[in-house]
Amino acid sequence: MDTCRIPANASKCSGNTMECFMVLSTQAQKISIAILCGLFGTMCVFENSLVLYLIFSSPGIRKKPSYLFIGSLALADILASIIFVCSFVNFHVFNEAGFSKEVFLLQLGGVNTSFSASLCSLLLTALDRYISISRPSEYKLLMTRKRAWTALGVLWLSCATIACLPLLGWNCCVLDSSCSELFPFVDDNYLSGWLCFIVVLLGCIIYAYTHVLWRAHQHVAYMEKHQAQVGKQNTRMRMDVMLAKTLVMVLAVLVLCWSPVLVLMIYSVFARLSVHLRKVFAFCSTLCLLNSMVNPIIYALRSKELFSSLRRVFSHFRRQLKAAEESPDAESTHKSSVIET
């Protein structure tokens, strides 16, 4: 087991530094965390998998860059949920500390990559919506599928590189520096840098969506004054405005769910955390799963294209069930039962 400098407020821990971060002391706390992670994680994987299926099973939807970015967000939520639930429950509930430093940092890098990719996907979607609303006549030329896929490739590669820096050597074991009070083996300077990256990213997203909402408001006012000019262009503009508002709701939920975690992480950089605050951090961490679970519900309720695709899937499923019930085998079984009666 790799050992590093133990956090200053964990002086009563044993020599095994991993045990210093297992802050859930009662069985009730462990059961609560296990239930929250199991419920939110399962629903998150199911809902986001359904979103991916709806996007890539519909030729009309998957050709649009907007939904490629939403698909990237759904994929990031799926990966984050699986990695987070497995590692978090294994560590805090079952108190497994037998894995190496490299394994832990790999798991942490996976969660950080997925979360960062979620934010970057929202930023790309904000830019996509802004171009669509502000320059509708040039949108198809500026935002092509090739450019969308290239942007997504750069996005995921950049997020993975930044998240894996501790695994590549920027950790307090290799540097013999001060370790974070919240994450084993993580260097305080790296955590500060990662938090700055996330805060700047959130700032850019909020700034971009402010412009998107402003342009959307202008389009709504324009369409209300020109009700007689109802046509294909107006219909597409209304869909752009609806999608813009939908993604603002997604952003609002993300900020609400992740604010407690980010605030505690920032606080830990400048001050020592009590055991109580570290327990609060463990429970607040499950809010990220709630965020990933709520996003697909917002898509289904607000996006007309995804909702229509969902209705088609359910209609097809019902037709298959009805066909199975009315199949010759079922009919012969029914007749034989009537004869026997």
Foldseek 3Di string as FASTA:
>chain_A
DFFADADPQQVVDDRQNLVSQLLDDDLVLLVVLLVLLVVLLVLLLVLLVLLLCLQVVDPVRVQDLLSVLVNQLSVLLNQLSVLCSVVLSCCRNVVDDPDDPLVQLVSQLSNQLSVQSNLVSLLVNLVLLLCCLVPVVCSCVVDGPVVSVVSSVVSSVVRSVLSCVLSVQQWCSNVSADHFSNGPRHHLVSLVVSLVVVVVSLVSSVVSLVSSQVSLVVLVVVCVVPVVPDDDVNVVSVLSSLVSVLSVVLSVLQCVLCVLLSVLSVVRSPDPDDSVSSSVNSVSVSSSSVSSSVSSVSCCVRRPSSVVSVVVVVVVVVVVVVCVCVDPVNVVVVVVVVVVD
